[in-house]
Structure formats: structure tokens, C-alpha cells
Protein backbone atom coordinates (compact mmCIF):
# COMPACT_ATOMS: atom_id res chain seq x y z
CA UNK A 1 102.13 243.55 265.12
CA UNK A 2 103.71 241.00 261.98
CA UNK A 3 101.84 238.16 260.69
CA UNK A 4 103.02 234.96 262.26
CA UNK A 5 105.47 232.92 259.74
CA UNK A 6 103.99 229.63 258.31
CA UNK A 7 105.73 226.23 257.03
CA UNK A 8 105.09 227.98 253.71
CA UNK A 9 107.38 230.90 254.86
CA UNK A 10 110.17 228.59 256.25
CA UNK A 11 109.99 226.41 253.08
CA UNK A 12 110.42 229.76 250.64
CA UNK A 13 113.44 231.19 253.25
CA UNK A 14 114.79 227.49 252.51
CA UNK A 15 114.94 228.36 248.41
CA UNK A 16 115.73 231.92 248.84
CA UNK A 17 119.00 231.30 251.05
CA UNK A 18 120.05 228.39 249.06
CA UNK A 19 123.10 229.68 247.59
CA UNK A 20 124.58 231.30 250.49
CA UNK A 21 124.05 229.27 253.25
CA UNK A 22 125.42 225.76 254.23
CA UNK A 23 123.18 222.53 254.52
CA UNK A 24 125.13 221.47 257.65
CA UNK A 25 125.78 218.00 258.80
CA UNK A 26 123.85 216.02 261.41
CA UNK A 27 125.92 213.99 263.60
CA UNK A 28 125.64 211.18 266.42
CA UNK A 29 127.48 209.74 269.29
CA UNK A 30 127.30 206.50 270.46
CA UNK A 31 129.00 207.59 274.11
CA UNK A 32 126.29 210.97 274.65
CA UNK A 33 123.28 208.33 273.65
CA UNK A 34 124.53 205.74 276.14
CA UNK A 35 124.95 208.85 278.71
CA UNK A 36 121.35 210.16 277.98
CA UNK A 37 119.76 206.96 277.11
CA UNK A 38 118.49 208.56 273.74
CA UNK A 39 119.22 208.55 270.22
CA UNK A 40 120.57 211.63 269.39
CA UNK A 41 121.15 213.62 266.33
CA UNK A 42 122.77 217.17 266.37
CA UNK A 43 122.24 219.21 263.59
CA UNK A 44 125.59 221.04 263.74
CA UNK A 45 124.87 225.16 263.08
CA UNK A 46 128.24 225.23 264.69
CA UNK A 47 129.74 224.43 261.22
CA UNK A 48 127.15 227.02 259.36
CA UNK A 49 128.73 229.86 257.70
CA UNK A 50 129.58 232.64 260.02
CA UNK A 51 129.59 229.88 262.97
CA UNK A 52 126.19 229.79 264.17
CA UNK A 53 122.30 229.20 263.00
CA UNK A 54 121.54 233.23 262.51
CA UNK A 55 122.95 233.55 259.38
CA UNK A 56 119.49 231.89 258.13
CA UNK A 57 117.36 234.60 259.38
CA UNK A 58 119.97 237.15 258.78
CA UNK A 59 120.27 236.06 255.11
CA UNK A 60 116.33 235.81 254.38
CA UNK A 61 115.81 238.98 255.80
CA UNK A 62 118.34 240.40 253.76
CA UNK A 63 117.44 239.04 250.52
CA UNK A 64 113.93 239.91 251.19
CA UNK A 65 114.27 243.63 251.02
CA UNK A 66 113.37 245.72 247.99
CA UNK A 67 116.27 247.34 245.91
CA UNK A 68 115.83 250.98 247.27
CA UNK A 69 115.35 249.56 250.79
CA UNK A 70 118.37 247.50 250.69
CA UNK A 71 120.15 250.27 249.18
CA UNK A 72 119.83 252.38 252.79
CA UNK A 73 121.66 249.69 254.50
CA UNK A 74 120.61 247.56 257.31
CA UNK A 75 120.83 247.92 261.00
CA UNK A 76 120.64 245.72 264.31
CA UNK A 77 121.60 245.42 268.03
CA UNK A 78 123.43 242.17 268.71
CA UNK A 79 125.81 240.67 271.03
CA UNK A 80 127.82 239.17 268.43
CA UNK A 81 126.01 236.18 266.52
CA UNK A 82 122.94 238.10 264.66
CA UNK A 83 125.56 240.98 264.56
CA UNK A 84 127.82 238.78 262.84
CA UNK A 85 125.36 236.89 260.33
CA UNK A 86 123.78 240.35 259.39
CA UNK A 87 127.12 241.91 258.35
CA UNK A 88 127.84 238.88 256.47
CA UNK A 89 124.23 238.56 254.81
CA UNK A 90 124.53 242.13 254.02
CA UNK A 91 128.15 241.74 252.28
CA UNK A 92 126.75 239.28 250.25
CA UNK A 93 124.06 241.61 248.67
CA UNK A 94 126.87 244.49 248.72
CA UNK A 95 124.96 247.06 250.98
CA UNK A 96 126.06 248.27 254.25
CA UNK A 97 125.50 247.09 257.90
CA UNK A 98 125.68 248.83 261.20
CA UNK A 99 125.46 247.11 264.37
CA UNK A 100 125.42 248.16 267.87
CA UNK A 101 126.92 246.02 270.31
CA UNK A 102 127.56 246.40 274.29
CA UNK A 103 130.46 246.62 275.19
CA UNK A 104 131.14 243.77 277.05
CA UNK A 105 130.19 241.44 274.08
CA UNK A 106 132.84 238.17 273.78
CA UNK A 107 136.07 239.47 272.04
CA UNK A 108 135.65 236.69 269.37
CA UNK A 109 132.19 237.90 268.16
CA UNK A 110 133.33 241.89 268.20
CA UNK A 111 136.01 240.58 266.05
CA UNK A 112 133.85 238.74 263.86
CA UNK A 113 131.59 241.45 262.96
CA UNK A 114 134.55 243.96 262.31
CA UNK A 115 135.83 241.34 259.58
CA UNK A 116 132.70 241.33 257.98
CA UNK A 117 132.64 244.48 257.05
CA UNK A 118 130.14 246.06 259.62
CA UNK A 119 130.02 249.52 261.03
CA UNK A 120 130.07 249.09 265.12
CA UNK A 121 128.81 251.24 267.81
CA UNK A 122 129.63 250.59 271.34
CA UNK A 123 126.74 251.21 273.73
CA UNK A 124 126.39 250.27 277.34
CA UNK A 125 125.63 246.46 278.28
CA UNK A 126 121.57 247.30 279.02
CA UNK A 127 118.57 246.85 276.81
CA UNK A 128 117.99 250.37 277.02
CA UNK A 129 121.71 251.48 275.72
CA UNK A 130 121.24 249.04 272.94
CA UNK A 131 117.89 250.51 271.81
CA UNK A 132 118.73 254.52 272.29
CA UNK A 133 121.92 253.77 270.17
CA UNK A 134 120.09 251.67 267.84
CA UNK A 135 117.84 254.72 267.61
CA UNK A 136 120.82 257.07 266.70
CA UNK A 137 122.27 255.02 264.10
CA UNK A 138 118.64 254.23 261.81
CA UNK A 139 118.10 258.13 262.69
CA UNK A 140 121.25 259.05 260.79
CA UNK A 141 121.51 256.76 257.85
CA UNK A 142 118.17 255.41 257.31
CA UNK A 143 119.09 251.84 257.72
CA UNK A 144 116.50 248.91 257.89
CA UNK A 145 116.39 247.40 261.14
CA UNK A 146 116.53 243.76 261.44
CA UNK A 147 115.87 242.87 264.57
CA UNK A 148 117.84 239.47 265.92
CA UNK A 149 114.95 237.51 266.31
CA UNK A 150 111.09 238.78 266.67
CA UNK A 151 111.10 239.36 262.89
CA UNK A 152 109.15 237.21 260.31
CA UNK A 153 111.89 236.72 257.90
CA UNK A 154 114.29 236.16 260.77
CA UNK A 155 111.67 233.15 262.14
CA UNK A 156 111.27 231.89 258.88
CA UNK A 157 115.07 231.72 258.14
CA UNK A 158 115.86 230.20 261.48
CA UNK A 159 113.31 227.32 261.06
CA UNK A 160 115.32 226.27 257.94
CA UNK A 161 117.59 224.34 260.53
CA UNK A 162 115.11 221.87 261.62
CA UNK A 163 113.35 221.86 258.42
CA UNK A 164 116.62 220.38 256.78
CA UNK A 165 116.90 218.28 260.19
CA UNK A 166 113.14 216.52 259.54
CA UNK A 167 114.15 215.75 255.58
CA UNK A 168 117.31 214.11 257.26
CA UNK A 169 116.03 212.29 260.14
CA UNK A 170 111.97 212.09 259.33
CA UNK A 171 111.42 209.61 262.12
CA UNK A 172 112.54 211.79 265.19
CA UNK A 173 110.50 211.49 268.60
CA UNK A 174 111.28 214.95 269.99
CA UNK A 175 113.38 218.08 268.94
CA UNK A 176 114.86 220.23 271.96
CA UNK A 177 116.82 223.44 270.90
CA UNK A 178 117.75 226.44 272.93
CA UNK A 179 116.10 229.61 273.91
CA UNK A 180 116.76 233.24 274.65
CA UNK A 181 114.82 235.71 272.88
CA UNK A 182 112.42 232.60 270.49
CA UNK A 183 113.83 233.16 267.28
CA UNK A 184 115.39 229.98 266.40
CA UNK A 185 112.75 227.97 268.97
CA UNK A 186 109.64 229.27 267.07
CA UNK A 187 111.15 228.72 263.93
CA UNK A 188 111.64 225.60 264.55
CA UNK A 189 108.56 224.78 266.41
CA UNK A 190 106.72 226.00 262.91
CA UNK A 191 108.82 223.91 260.77
CA UNK A 192 108.53 221.05 263.05
CA UNK A 193 104.53 221.00 263.10
CA UNK A 194 104.48 221.56 259.66
CA UNK A 195 106.93 219.23 257.91
CA UNK A 196 106.39 216.24 259.77
CA UNK A 197 103.30 214.50 262.23
CA UNK A 198 103.32 216.12 265.42
CA UNK A 199 106.30 215.95 267.64
CA UNK A 200 106.80 217.59 270.53
CA UNK A 201 109.21 220.44 270.49
CA UNK A 202 110.96 221.47 273.72
CA UNK A 203 112.94 224.64 274.48
CA UNK A 204 115.83 224.64 276.62
CA UNK A 205 117.29 227.50 278.67
CA UNK A 206 119.65 227.95 281.50
CA UNK A 207 118.23 228.22 285.55
CA UNK A 208 119.93 232.00 285.46
CA UNK A 209 118.54 233.06 282.61
CA UNK A 210 114.75 231.46 282.59
CA UNK A 211 112.85 234.46 281.71
CA UNK A 212 111.02 231.72 278.96
CA UNK A 213 110.34 229.41 281.23
CA UNK A 214 108.46 231.89 283.65
CA UNK A 215 106.88 233.43 280.46
CA UNK A 216 105.21 230.09 279.23
CA UNK A 217 104.13 229.72 282.70
CA UNK A 218 102.31 233.05 283.40
CA UNK A 219 100.72 233.64 280.20
CA UNK A 220 102.74 236.95 279.47
CA UNK A 221 106.58 237.81 278.83
CA UNK A 222 108.57 238.09 281.83
CA UNK A 223 111.47 240.14 280.91
CA UNK A 224 114.96 238.75 281.64
CA UNK A 225 116.48 240.81 284.35
CA UNK A 226 120.27 240.70 285.48
CA UNK A 227 120.73 237.17 283.46
CA UNK A 228 124.00 235.52 284.86
CA UNK A 229 124.96 232.04 282.76
CA UNK A 230 127.63 231.21 281.05
CA UNK A 231 125.36 231.04 277.64
CA UNK A 232 125.83 234.27 276.87
CA UNK A 233 123.76 233.50 273.31
CA UNK A 234 120.72 233.17 275.89
CA UNK A 235 120.11 236.28 277.51
CA UNK A 236 117.36 237.89 275.78
CA UNK A 237 114.28 238.26 276.63
CA UNK A 238 111.51 236.95 274.33
CA UNK A 239 109.29 238.93 271.44
CA UNK A 240 105.71 239.96 270.90
CA UNK A 241 105.96 237.73 267.68
CA UNK A 242 107.85 234.55 269.37
CA UNK A 243 106.33 234.01 272.43
CA UNK A 244 102.37 233.53 270.77
CA UNK A 245 104.01 230.85 268.54
CA UNK A 246 106.05 229.03 271.76
CA UNK A 247 102.82 229.60 273.74
CA UNK A 248 100.73 227.76 270.99
CA UNK A 249 103.68 224.92 269.65
CA UNK A 250 106.05 224.17 272.26
CA UNK A 251 105.56 221.31 274.78
CA UNK A 252 107.75 223.17 277.54
CA UNK A 253 110.60 224.94 278.14
CA UNK A 254 113.18 222.92 280.69
CA UNK A 255 115.77 224.62 282.85
CA UNK A 256 119.60 224.14 283.05
CA UNK A 257 122.18 224.30 285.59
CA UNK A 258 125.21 225.83 284.96
CA UNK A 259 126.66 223.24 285.72
CA UNK A 260 124.99 220.98 283.66
CA UNK A 261 125.72 223.25 280.51
CA UNK A 262 129.24 223.63 281.42
CA UNK A 263 129.58 219.09 281.35
CA UNK A 264 127.35 218.93 278.31
CA UNK A 265 129.61 221.62 276.37
CA UNK A 266 132.73 219.68 277.61
CA UNK A 267 131.55 216.42 276.77
CA UNK A 268 130.76 217.35 273.15
CA UNK A 269 134.01 218.91 272.47
CA UNK A 270 135.44 215.47 274.25
CA UNK A 271 133.37 212.94 272.43
CA UNK A 272 132.64 214.51 269.50
CA UNK A 273 135.54 216.20 268.67
CA UNK A 274 133.75 219.18 267.62
CA UNK A 275 133.79 222.92 269.29
CA UNK A 276 130.29 224.45 270.48
CA UNK A 277 129.60 227.62 272.37
CA UNK A 278 127.73 227.13 275.81
CA UNK A 279 124.27 228.33 274.47
CA UNK A 280 124.43 225.33 272.17
CA UNK A 281 125.21 222.41 274.92
CA UNK A 282 121.79 224.04 276.85
CA UNK A 283 119.87 221.02 274.95
CA UNK A 284 122.22 218.08 276.07
CA UNK A 285 122.78 219.49 279.33
CA UNK A 286 118.54 219.07 279.66
CA UNK A 287 118.83 215.22 278.88
CA UNK A 288 121.51 214.86 281.40
CA UNK A 289 120.18 216.42 284.23
CA UNK A 290 116.65 214.20 282.97
CA UNK A 291 118.68 210.94 281.72
CA UNK A 292 115.27 208.98 282.07
CA UNK A 293 112.81 211.40 281.08
CA UNK A 294 113.06 210.23 277.46
CA UNK A 295 114.32 206.41 277.35
CA UNK A 296 115.09 205.36 273.77
CA UNK A 297 113.73 208.37 271.92
CA UNK A 298 114.92 209.48 268.90
CA UNK A 299 115.84 213.22 270.19
CA UNK A 300 116.62 216.09 267.84
CA UNK A 301 119.14 218.69 269.24
CA UNK A 302 120.04 222.41 267.21
CA UNK A 303 123.29 222.74 268.10
CA UNK A 304 123.23 226.55 267.42
CA UNK A 305 126.68 227.56 267.48
CA UNK A 306 130.27 227.23 267.65
CA UNK A 307 131.89 230.62 268.19
CA UNK A 308 134.13 230.80 271.38
CA UNK A 309 137.02 232.63 272.60
CA UNK A 310 139.64 230.01 273.22
CA UNK A 311 141.49 232.35 275.71
CA UNK A 312 138.59 232.19 278.26
CA UNK A 313 137.24 228.88 278.05
CA UNK A 314 134.16 228.82 280.81
CA UNK A 315 135.92 225.77 282.48
CA UNK A 316 138.91 227.45 282.57
CA UNK A 317 137.52 230.53 284.01
CA UNK A 318 136.10 227.99 287.01
CA UNK A 319 138.96 226.73 287.66
CA UNK A 320 140.59 230.02 288.48
CA UNK A 321 137.58 230.54 290.78
CA UNK A 322 138.32 227.90 292.46
CA UNK A 323 142.01 228.74 292.51
CA UNK A 324 141.16 231.78 293.93
């Protein structure tokens, strides 16, 4: 099993990716502060290159490879954001990226991955389908597999977003981030615990894809089975590297209803005038649902990405369903 990353690894990652990755802004909204009875600081990874935090981990992983290994290219399986990030990072290094994507991945994410120059192999939308197709690609090409989240270099790269947040807003009381496979949450927990005096870190995930919540309560990884949520970036299960970090460093995981995710996403669009994808809205949804939980607290939230298919907005889908 790989070694758990440290704050030193995250600081080294920050230096490694600095030429390529944006230091994204931290924004506030008095309206959302009032609605949540808290002072919220949004780390806007929706403004990141590639449209999501994933470019941090992918860039750190790609530029950590030795020349001989890098020359064979990199490969991964992903529903979108990690795939796009790996393709973009590989292009910067001048190497080939091979990406396995489920057939039902959002159109906007398929187009982004292709646009960044990756060779795409489509597969059935199951973990077995992804892994089988990936094994065939790696066998054929010899490319290095870069896991979307269960990878030391990826986790270290993801942790740089929280490192920047803590440097920009050093007196936070709590940090909340979305959790799918756990790369962002585990990287954030390491960064926060190493960069500041101990403050609690919480994960937030959809009620309809709550395997991380159930895993934390059970003390073992419980795989995600048939998740059904508009937060399509949070459908994956925790890994054997991310889970122990979350067990050790994350205070708790909060489950969020589809209604609260949708409400939070729409509020961010309407009040902050920025585009975020549903997965990004889950932490704010948690605050909206538990308004009195953190009265007056200074809360850091990482808005994980903004890659949305504008032709199929979630509230429009809901309206069409209600109209029958």
C-alpha cells in the first residue's frame, strides 16, 4: 500500500504545479452568509484550468514521473473532470494520455477530454467496465495508470487547494468539502491539519450516494452501489489510501438531499453570479440544511468545479419531470 502523503508532500506539490495551475480566488457572499448564519469563504476551483480542482492532482502526478516512464504516456478511467485534467497535464508535458470514460458521461466532459487531445475509449458505466477497458489500454500501450483519487501524488496535488485557502484566510473555524472517492477530502484534511492550528474538516456527500458516510460509521469501506444523484462527480467509492486518511483526520461526513444540492447550486449561480456543477454545491447544501450548526463560524468551502452541460441544467430536468 502507498505511503500516506504529508504536509511536506503537499507543499512540494504546490511548488511543482505552480507554473501550470491557477491560484484560484476566494469569494464571499453576504446573502449566503445570512442564509447560513455563518461567514463563508468559497475557494473557487470552478475558475481553475480545466474547470475543476482535478488539474492539481493530475499535474502533480504527471510531472512527478521519470522521463522514461512518462514517455510511455499516462492512462486513467474517469467520468470527466480527472480525465480532462490528465489530458491537459499530459499535453503540457508533451506525452500521450489514454482515457477510459463511461458511455453515459456528461457530453460537456466528453468534449473537454477530446479537446485536450486524449485518446478516449468508451466503456460500460460500471466499475468493472472501467477497469476491464483500462487494463486493455494499459496492456496495449504500457502507459502509467494515474488513479483519479487513490494515488499519493494525486492526493498531494488536491491538497494544494486547501493550502492556498488556509494561507488566504488563516483564521477559519471549519472547512467543508465534497467527497466522492476522497482525493480532495483527504488532501484537504492533511493540508488543514498541517497548515493551521487544528480545525475540524467535514466531508459532504449526497444522501443518494452516501457510501463515504456509511464507511466512516462502519469502520470499513462500503462500496457505492447504484448511486442516484445529480452530483455526478461524487459517484465513486473511497479508496484504500483515501479512507484511512479520512478516518484519522476528518471530523464527520454530512449527507445532503437532492433538493438541498439543487437549491445550493441555484443560489450560487444566482447570488454569486458564477457557474458551479452540482458536486460543488453539496457543502453549501449541508450548511443550508443545518443552518444553526455553525452560528457565526468562519467556514471554508472548496467549490470543486464548474463543468456543467448547459443544455441539461438540473433544475430544468426537474421541471420537465414535474410537467410529465
